[in-house]
Amino acid sequence: MVLQGGKMDNLTHYLATTLRMLRHQRGWSLSRLAEIS
């Protein structure tokens, strides 16, 4: 039970980190495109 809960926490943390990274990358790409155009 505890192990499963820990896995869920890790998964949630991983997903949150991935989403944050993707959002940051997308924002950076958009800002770069804005600079070019």
PDB file of N, CA and C in Angstrom:
ATOM      1  N   MET A   1       0.839  -1.194   0.000  1.00  0.00           N
ATOM      2  CA  MET A   1       0.000   0.000   0.000  1.00  0.00           C
ATOM      3  C   MET A   1       0.881   1.254   0.000  1.00  0.00           C
ATOM      4  N   VAL A   2       1.840   1.286   0.926  1.00  0.00           N
ATOM      5  CA  VAL A   2       2.718   2.454   1.031  1.00  0.00           C
ATOM      6  C   VAL A   2       3.569   2.569  -0.228  1.00  0.00           C
ATOM      7  N   LEU A   3       4.064   1.420  -0.710  1.00  0.00           N
ATOM      8  CA  LEU A   3       4.906   1.422  -1.903  1.00  0.00           C
ATOM      9  C   LEU A   3       4.116   1.949  -3.094  1.00  0.00           C
ATOM     10  N   GLN A   4       2.870   1.489  -3.208  1.00  0.00           N
ATOM     11  CA  GLN A   4       2.030   1.936  -4.317  1.00  0.00           C
ATOM     12  C   GLN A   4       1.796   3.446  -4.223  1.00  0.00           C
ATOM     13  N   GLY A   5       1.545   3.926  -3.007  1.00  0.00           N
ATOM     14  CA  GLY A   5       1.331   5.356  -2.816  1.00  0.00           C
ATOM     15  C   GLY A   5       2.567   6.128  -3.221  1.00  0.00           C
ATOM     16  N   GLY A   6       3.743   5.596  -2.861  1.00  0.00           N
ATOM     17  CA  GLY A   6       4.989   6.260  -3.225  1.00  0.00           C
ATOM     18  C   GLY A   6       5.140   6.314  -4.732  1.00  0.00           C
ATOM     19  N   LYS A   7       4.760   5.224  -5.405  1.00  0.00           N
ATOM     20  CA  LYS A   7       4.859   5.200  -6.864  1.00  0.00           C
ATOM     21  C   LYS A   7       3.946   6.265  -7.463  1.00  0.00           C
ATOM     22  N   MET A   8       2.742   6.375  -6.926  1.00  0.00           N
ATOM     23  CA  MET A   8       1.803   7.367  -7.428  1.00  0.00           C
ATOM     24  C   MET A   8       2.364   8.771  -7.248  1.00  0.00           C
ATOM     25  N   ASP A   9       2.973   9.029  -6.090  1.00  0.00           N
ATOM     26  CA  ASP A   9       3.559  10.346  -5.836  1.00  0.00           C
ATOM     27  C   ASP A   9       4.671  10.621  -6.844  1.00  0.00           C
ATOM     28  N   ASN A  10       5.498   9.608  -7.098  1.00  0.00           N
ATOM     29  CA  ASN A  10       6.593   9.781  -8.055  1.00  0.00           C
ATOM     30  C   ASN A  10       6.037  10.054  -9.451  1.00  0.00           C
ATOM     31  N   LEU A  11       4.980   9.315  -9.814  1.00  0.00           N
ATOM     32  CA  LEU A  11       4.379   9.491 -11.138  1.00  0.00           C
ATOM     33  C   LEU A  11       3.805  10.896 -11.268  1.00  0.00           C
ATOM     34  N   THR A  12       3.102  11.338 -10.230  1.00  0.00           N
ATOM     35  CA  THR A  12       2.504  12.675 -10.255  1.00  0.00           C
ATOM     36  C   THR A  12       3.588  13.735 -10.371  1.00  0.00           C
ATOM     37  N   HIS A  13       4.658  13.558  -9.599  1.00  0.00           N
ATOM     38  CA  HIS A  13       5.766  14.515  -9.626  1.00  0.00           C
ATOM     39  C   HIS A  13       6.424  14.521 -11.009  1.00  0.00           C
ATOM     40  N   TYR A  14       6.587  13.327 -11.584  1.00  0.00           N
ATOM     41  CA  TYR A  14       7.203  13.210 -12.903  1.00  0.00           C
ATOM     42  C   TYR A  14       6.352  13.908 -13.960  1.00  0.00           C
ATOM     43  N   LEU A  15       5.050  13.663 -13.915  1.00  0.00           N
ATOM     44  CA  LEU A  15       4.154  14.287 -14.889  1.00  0.00           C
ATOM     45  C   LEU A  15       4.155  15.801 -14.735  1.00  0.00           C
ATOM     46  N   ALA A  16       4.119  16.269 -13.495  1.00  0.00           N
ATOM     47  CA  ALA A  16       4.108  17.710 -13.242  1.00  0.00           C
ATOM     48  C   ALA A  16       5.395  18.346 -13.763  1.00  0.00           C
ATOM     49  N   THR A  17       6.524  17.676 -13.515  1.00  0.00           N
ATOM     50  CA  THR A  17       7.812  18.206 -13.975  1.00  0.00           C
ATOM     51  C   THR A  17       7.866  18.224 -15.497  1.00  0.00           C
ATOM     52  N   THR A  18       7.375  17.155 -16.118  1.00  0.00           N
ATOM     53  CA  THR A  18       7.390  17.074 -17.578  1.00  0.00           C
ATOM     54  C   THR A  18       6.525  18.166 -18.183  1.00  0.00           C
ATOM     55  N   LEU A  19       5.320  18.352 -17.621  1.00  0.00           N
ATOM     56  CA  LEU A  19       4.420  19.380 -18.138  1.00  0.00           C
ATOM     57  C   LEU A  19       5.048  20.756 -17.998  1.00  0.00           C
ATOM     58  N   ARG A  20       5.679  20.994 -16.846  1.00  0.00           N
ATOM     59  CA  ARG A  20       6.303  22.300 -16.608  1.00  0.00           C
ATOM     60  C   ARG A  20       7.426  22.529 -17.619  1.00  0.00           C
ATOM     61  N   MET A  21       8.201  21.471 -17.892  1.00  0.00           N
ATOM     62  CA  MET A  21       9.314  21.581 -18.825  1.00  0.00           C
ATOM     63  C   MET A  21       8.795  21.850 -20.243  1.00  0.00           C
ATOM     64  N   LEU A  22       7.734  21.123 -20.635  1.00  0.00           N
ATOM     65  CA  LEU A  22       7.176  21.316 -21.969  1.00  0.00           C
ATOM     66  C   LEU A  22       6.623  22.723 -22.107  1.00  0.00           C
ATOM     67  N   ARG A  23       5.920  23.191 -21.069  1.00  0.00           N
ATOM     68  CA  ARG A  23       5.330  24.523 -21.115  1.00  0.00           C
ATOM     69  C   ARG A  23       6.438  25.567 -21.247  1.00  0.00           C
ATOM     70  N   HIS A  24       7.536  25.356 -20.510  1.00  0.00           N
ATOM     71  CA  HIS A  24       8.666  26.290 -20.559  1.00  0.00           C
ATOM     72  C   HIS A  24       9.290  26.282 -21.953  1.00  0.00           C
ATOM     73  N   GLN A  25       9.464  25.095 -22.520  1.00  0.00           N
ATOM     74  CA  GLN A  25      10.067  24.980 -23.851  1.00  0.00           C
ATOM     75  C   GLN A  25       9.186  25.659 -24.892  1.00  0.00           C
ATOM     76  N   ARG A  26       7.863  25.443 -24.786  1.00  0.00           N
ATOM     77  CA  ARG A  26       6.946  26.025 -25.757  1.00  0.00           C
ATOM     78  C   ARG A  26       6.989  27.555 -25.664  1.00  0.00           C
ATOM     79  N   GLY A  27       7.004  28.069 -24.433  1.00  0.00           N
ATOM     80  CA  GLY A  27       7.069  29.517 -24.236  1.00  0.00           C
ATOM     81  C   GLY A  27       8.357  30.073 -24.819  1.00  0.00           C
ATOM     82  N   TRP A  28       9.462  29.342 -24.622  1.00  0.00           N
ATOM     83  CA  TRP A  28      10.755  29.789 -25.147  1.00  0.00           C
ATOM     84  C   TRP A  28      10.716  29.788 -26.673  1.00  0.00           C
ATOM     85  N   SER A  29      10.129  28.754 -27.272  1.00  0.00           N
ATOM     86  CA  SER A  29      10.049  28.656 -28.727  1.00  0.00           C
ATOM     87  C   SER A  29       9.209  29.804 -29.277  1.00  0.00           C
ATOM     88  N   LEU A  30       8.088  30.090 -28.623  1.00  0.00           N
ATOM     89  CA  LEU A  30       7.216  31.166 -29.084  1.00  0.00           C
ATOM     90  C   LEU A  30       7.931  32.505 -28.998  1.00  0.00           C
ATOM     91  N   SER A  31       8.665  32.728 -27.938  1.00  0.00           N
ATOM     92  CA  SER A  31       9.379  33.996 -27.780  1.00  0.00           C
ATOM     93  C   SER A  31      10.459  34.114 -28.856  1.00  0.00           C
ATOM     94  N   ARG A  32      11.101  33.000 -29.182  1.00  0.00           N
ATOM     95  CA  ARG A  32      12.136  33.010 -30.218  1.00  0.00           C
ATOM     96  C   ARG A  32      11.501  33.340 -31.575  1.00  0.00           C
ATOM     97  N   LEU A  33      10.347  32.724 -31.858  1.00  0.00           N
ATOM     98  CA  LEU A  33       9.662  32.984 -33.122  1.00  0.00           C
ATOM     99  C   LEU A  33       9.249  34.447 -33.196  1.00  0.00           C
ATOM    100  N   ALA A  34       8.802  35.000 -32.085  1.00  0.00           N
ATOM    101  CA  ALA A  34       8.385  36.405 -32.047  1.00  0.00           C
ATOM    102  C   ALA A  34       9.583  37.299 -32.357  1.00  0.00           C
ATOM    103  N   GLU A  35      10.749  36.937 -31.837  1.00  0.00           N
ATOM    104  CA  GLU A  35      11.954  37.738 -32.088  1.00  0.00           C
ATOM    105  C   GLU A  35      12.317  37.701 -33.575  1.00  0.00           C
ATOM    106  N   ILE A  36      12.251  36.505 -34.168  1.00  0.00           N
ATOM    107  CA  ILE A  36      12.630  36.343 -35.572  1.00  0.00           C
ATOM    108  C   ILE A  36      11.673  37.112 -36.487  1.00  0.00           C
ATOM    109  N   SER A  37      10.377  36.992 -36.230  1.00  0.00           N
ATOM    110  CA  SER A  37       9.373  37.638 -37.073  1.00  0.00           C
ATOM    111  C   SER A  37       9.050  39.029 -36.542  1.00  0.00           C
TER     112      SER A  37
END
